[in-house]
Amino acid sequence: MPKLLVLVPTDFELQKLQPPLADSVKRADGVMRTCGFGPIVAGIRTTQLLALYEPRAVILVGIAGALGPQLPIGTATVFSRIACYGIGAGSGSDFETASELGWPQWTDPEFGQSFGDVIETAVESDPGGSPGSMLLTVCAAAGSTEDVALRLNKFPHAVAEDMEAFSVALACRMARIPLTVIRGISNMAGDRDKTNWNVAAALEAAAELAALRISL
């Protein structure tokens, strides 16, 4: 069984990330696989892959949108906290998160530990990470500055958004397998004009950071 499982959401990201990471993954006795696009399939597919490969560690790497100026386009970061936006009740300014409703998203039946809207993942000393860096997993990417404002109203410490990390983190936590989440910043969240995006630079930065993390 491989010691390391490297997950990327889409085939597009895999095609861009596999060439620069292939040697590092091989040296770490690892494999690279896609987990799918969006929180539902990502959680299900991650659970399947964890059962299949039984890795000692998992790295999730891909692109994300910045929720503010903290992370410039073309940079990459290790995120130590993963939050979830969209599970709860209501919409728009009336949205209430699961935690606000008083519902945990999962309670570990063996240890009695409950998980709400935030999961702690990588340690803060990881290369490329900043203390408390929060990534917000959403069901649909922000389509406007108004969407961004609504998300930051609930999670003011979030600095970027993606669509897979929370469900991957929860699957790994259920399996008690450590997870590192790395995202390259491809765009500003809410900006759907792709002429302003730089996916290539984001993936290059993410690959460099992932290779560094794998080599530890």
Protein backbone atom coordinates (compact mmCIF):
# COMPACT_ATOMS: atom_id res chain seq x y z
CA MET A 1 0.00 0.00 0.00
CA PRO A 2 1.29 3.53 -0.76
CA LYS A 3 2.35 5.66 2.18
CA LEU A 4 1.03 8.88 0.65
CA LEU A 5 -2.17 9.74 -1.22
CA VAL A 6 -2.12 13.02 -3.15
CA LEU A 7 -5.60 14.20 -4.11
CA VAL A 8 -6.52 16.79 -6.71
CA PRO A 9 -10.12 17.71 -7.53
CA THR A 10 -10.24 17.62 -11.33
CA ASP A 11 -8.59 15.96 -14.32
CA PHE A 12 -7.48 19.41 -15.49
CA GLU A 13 -5.60 20.03 -12.24
CA LEU A 14 -4.16 16.52 -12.32
CA GLN A 15 -2.78 17.04 -15.84
CA LYS A 16 -1.03 20.22 -14.70
CA LEU A 17 0.19 18.99 -11.32
CA GLN A 18 1.25 15.44 -12.11
CA PRO A 19 4.34 16.26 -14.24
CA PRO A 20 6.06 18.51 -11.65
CA LEU A 21 5.04 16.26 -8.73
CA ALA A 22 5.52 12.78 -10.21
CA ASP A 23 9.10 12.29 -8.98
CA SER A 24 8.39 13.61 -5.49
CA VAL A 25 5.31 11.44 -5.14
CA LYS A 26 7.19 8.37 -6.36
CA ARG A 27 10.05 8.95 -3.88
CA ALA A 28 7.48 9.23 -1.09
CA ASP A 29 5.92 5.92 -2.13
CA GLY A 30 2.72 7.71 -3.08
CA VAL A 31 -0.02 7.88 -5.68
CA MET A 32 -1.96 10.80 -7.19
CA ARG A 33 -5.69 10.52 -7.78
CA THR A 34 -8.63 12.83 -8.43
CA CYS A 35 -11.28 13.22 -5.74
CA GLY A 36 -13.84 15.05 -7.89
CA PHE A 37 -15.31 18.53 -8.16
CA GLY A 38 -17.44 19.81 -5.31
CA PRO A 39 -17.98 18.78 -1.68
CA ILE A 40 -20.30 15.83 -2.24
CA VAL A 41 -18.29 13.73 -4.66
CA ALA A 42 -15.00 14.77 -3.01
CA GLY A 43 -16.04 13.35 0.33
CA ILE A 44 -17.40 10.14 -1.15
CA ARG A 45 -14.44 9.54 -3.45
CA THR A 46 -11.92 10.34 -0.71
CA THR A 47 -13.56 7.78 1.54
CA GLN A 48 -13.30 5.18 -1.23
CA LEU A 49 -9.64 5.96 -1.89
CA LEU A 50 -8.73 5.87 1.80
CA ALA A 51 -10.28 2.41 2.07
CA LEU A 52 -8.53 1.26 -1.11
CA TYR A 53 -5.01 2.53 -0.41
CA GLU A 54 -4.89 2.88 3.39
CA PRO A 55 -2.29 5.68 3.16
CA ARG A 56 -0.40 7.03 6.14
CA ALA A 57 -1.00 10.63 5.05
CA VAL A 58 -3.01 12.62 2.52
CA ILE A 59 -2.29 15.85 0.68
CA LEU A 60 -5.06 17.76 -1.11
CA VAL A 61 -3.76 20.21 -3.69
CA GLY A 62 -5.47 22.42 -6.26
CA ILE A 63 -6.68 25.96 -6.90
CA ALA A 64 -8.80 28.35 -4.86
CA GLY A 65 -10.18 31.88 -4.97
CA ALA A 66 -8.95 34.55 -2.57
CA LEU A 67 -11.59 36.13 -0.33
CA GLY A 68 -9.46 39.21 0.31
CA PRO A 69 -6.07 40.79 -0.28
CA GLN A 70 -4.14 38.53 2.10
CA LEU A 71 -3.26 35.97 -0.60
CA PRO A 72 -2.13 37.34 -3.99
CA ILE A 73 -3.03 35.55 -7.19
CA GLY A 74 -0.26 33.16 -8.17
CA THR A 75 0.74 32.24 -4.61
CA ALA A 76 0.05 29.05 -2.65
CA THR A 77 -0.64 28.35 1.00
CA VAL A 78 -0.96 25.46 3.44
CA PHE A 79 -4.26 25.87 5.26
CA SER A 80 -4.48 24.82 8.89
CA ARG A 81 -8.22 25.39 9.32
CA ILE A 82 -11.01 24.34 6.96
CA ALA A 83 -14.50 25.78 7.36
CA CYS A 84 -17.79 24.94 5.68
CA TYR A 85 -20.28 27.44 4.27
CA GLY A 86 -23.65 26.36 2.92
CA ILE A 87 -24.76 23.62 5.31
CA GLY A 88 -27.46 24.98 7.58
CA ALA A 89 -30.68 26.87 6.99
CA GLY A 90 -31.80 29.86 4.92
CA SER A 91 -29.92 31.79 2.28
CA GLY A 92 -28.36 35.18 1.70
CA SER A 93 -28.26 37.37 4.78
CA ASP A 94 -30.64 34.95 6.53
CA PHE A 95 -28.29 31.96 6.26
CA GLU A 96 -27.45 30.19 9.52
CA THR A 97 -24.60 27.70 9.71
CA ALA A 98 -24.98 24.23 11.18
CA SER A 99 -23.16 25.35 14.32
CA GLU A 100 -25.45 28.36 14.71
CA LEU A 101 -28.39 25.97 14.53
CA GLY A 102 -26.80 23.87 17.25
CA TRP A 103 -26.11 20.87 15.02
CA PRO A 104 -22.70 19.22 14.75
CA GLN A 105 -21.89 17.96 11.28
CA TRP A 106 -20.56 14.73 12.78
CA THR A 107 -19.92 13.23 16.20
CA ASP A 108 -17.30 10.53 16.56
CA PRO A 109 -19.16 7.64 18.24
CA GLU A 110 -15.96 6.19 19.72
CA PHE A 111 -14.46 9.31 21.24
CA GLY A 112 -17.54 11.52 21.44
CA GLN A 113 -15.77 14.36 19.62
CA SER A 114 -18.06 16.61 17.62
CA PHE A 115 -17.18 18.54 14.48
CA GLY A 116 -19.03 21.68 13.54
CA ASP A 117 -18.27 24.16 10.78
CA VAL A 118 -14.45 24.20 11.24
CA ILE A 119 -11.88 21.38 11.14
CA GLU A 120 -8.25 21.80 12.17
CA THR A 121 -5.88 20.11 9.75
CA ALA A 122 -2.19 20.84 9.05
CA VAL A 123 0.08 22.00 11.84
CA GLU A 124 0.99 25.66 11.71
CA SER A 125 4.69 24.93 11.23
CA ASP A 126 4.10 23.44 7.77
CA PRO A 127 6.18 25.19 5.08
CA GLY A 128 4.06 27.76 3.29
CA GLY A 129 1.45 27.90 6.00
CA SER A 130 0.52 30.88 8.09
CA PRO A 131 -0.87 30.53 11.62
CA GLY A 132 -4.62 29.98 11.55
CA SER A 133 -4.98 30.21 7.75
CA MET A 134 -8.63 29.40 7.08
CA LEU A 135 -9.96 27.97 3.83
CA LEU A 136 -13.72 28.12 3.32
CA THR A 137 -15.33 25.22 1.45
CA VAL A 138 -18.49 26.18 -0.43
CA CYS A 139 -21.03 24.39 -2.60
CA ALA A 140 -20.87 27.08 -5.30
CA ALA A 141 -18.07 29.56 -5.93
CA ALA A 142 -18.82 33.19 -5.12
CA GLY A 143 -20.36 34.96 -8.07
CA SER A 144 -20.14 38.52 -6.81
CA THR A 145 -18.64 40.76 -4.16
CA GLU A 146 -21.96 40.44 -2.33
CA ASP A 147 -21.45 36.68 -2.09
CA VAL A 148 -17.97 37.25 -0.69
CA ALA A 149 -19.30 39.68 1.92
CA LEU A 150 -21.95 37.19 3.08
CA ARG A 151 -19.31 34.50 3.51
CA LEU A 152 -16.94 36.73 5.39
CA ASN A 153 -19.79 37.82 7.64
CA LYS A 154 -20.00 34.24 8.91
CA PHE A 155 -16.29 33.40 8.66
CA PRO A 156 -14.31 36.65 8.94
CA HIS A 157 -10.99 34.79 9.25
CA ALA A 158 -11.38 32.94 5.95
CA VAL A 159 -8.88 34.08 3.32
CA ALA A 160 -9.81 31.80 0.41
CA GLU A 161 -12.59 29.53 -0.82
CA ASP A 162 -12.62 26.12 -2.48
CA MET A 163 -15.19 23.39 -3.06
CA GLU A 164 -13.63 20.20 -1.67
CA ALA A 165 -11.36 20.62 1.35
CA PHE A 166 -13.92 20.39 4.17
CA SER A 167 -15.37 17.09 2.98
CA VAL A 168 -11.90 15.66 2.30
CA ALA A 169 -10.82 16.80 5.78
CA LEU A 170 -13.84 15.18 7.39
CA ALA A 171 -13.24 11.91 5.52
CA CYS A 172 -9.62 11.90 6.67
CA ARG A 173 -10.61 12.73 10.23
CA MET A 174 -13.08 9.83 10.26
CA ALA A 175 -10.30 7.53 9.06
CA ARG A 176 -7.79 9.13 11.48
CA ILE A 177 -5.37 9.89 8.67
CA PRO A 178 -3.47 13.22 8.72
CA LEU A 179 -4.28 15.69 5.96
CA THR A 180 -2.41 18.66 4.52
CA VAL A 181 -4.39 21.09 2.37
CA ILE A 182 -2.51 23.17 -0.21
CA ARG A 183 -4.23 25.63 -2.52
CA GLY A 184 -2.83 27.91 -5.20
CA ILE A 185 -4.69 31.19 -5.60
CA SER A 186 -6.01 31.48 -9.16
CA ASN A 187 -8.44 34.39 -8.81
CA MET A 188 -10.28 36.74 -6.53
CA ALA A 189 -13.48 35.11 -5.30
CA GLY A 190 -16.52 36.74 -6.85
CA ASP A 191 -14.68 37.73 -10.02
CA ARG A 192 -16.03 35.49 -12.78
CA ASP A 193 -14.08 37.27 -15.54
CA LYS A 194 -11.46 34.63 -16.26
CA THR A 195 -9.25 37.09 -18.10
CA ASN A 196 -8.32 38.29 -14.59
CA TRP A 197 -7.42 34.79 -13.41
CA ASN A 198 -4.00 33.11 -13.47
CA VAL A 199 -4.61 29.41 -13.08
CA ALA A 200 -1.20 28.45 -14.47
CA ALA A 201 0.69 30.48 -11.87
CA ALA A 202 -1.57 29.19 -9.10
CA LEU A 203 -0.94 25.56 -10.02
CA GLU A 204 2.80 26.16 -10.40
CA ALA A 205 2.96 27.65 -6.91
CA ALA A 206 0.81 24.86 -5.51
CA ALA A 207 3.07 22.23 -7.09
CA GLU A 208 6.20 23.84 -5.64
CA LEU A 209 4.69 23.94 -2.18
CA ALA A 210 3.37 20.39 -2.45
CA ALA A 211 6.79 19.10 -3.51
CA LEU A 212 8.33 20.82 -0.49
CA ARG A 213 5.73 19.31 1.83
CA ILE A 214 6.18 15.82 0.34
CA SER A 215 9.95 16.00 0.82
CA LEU A 216 9.66 16.50 4.59
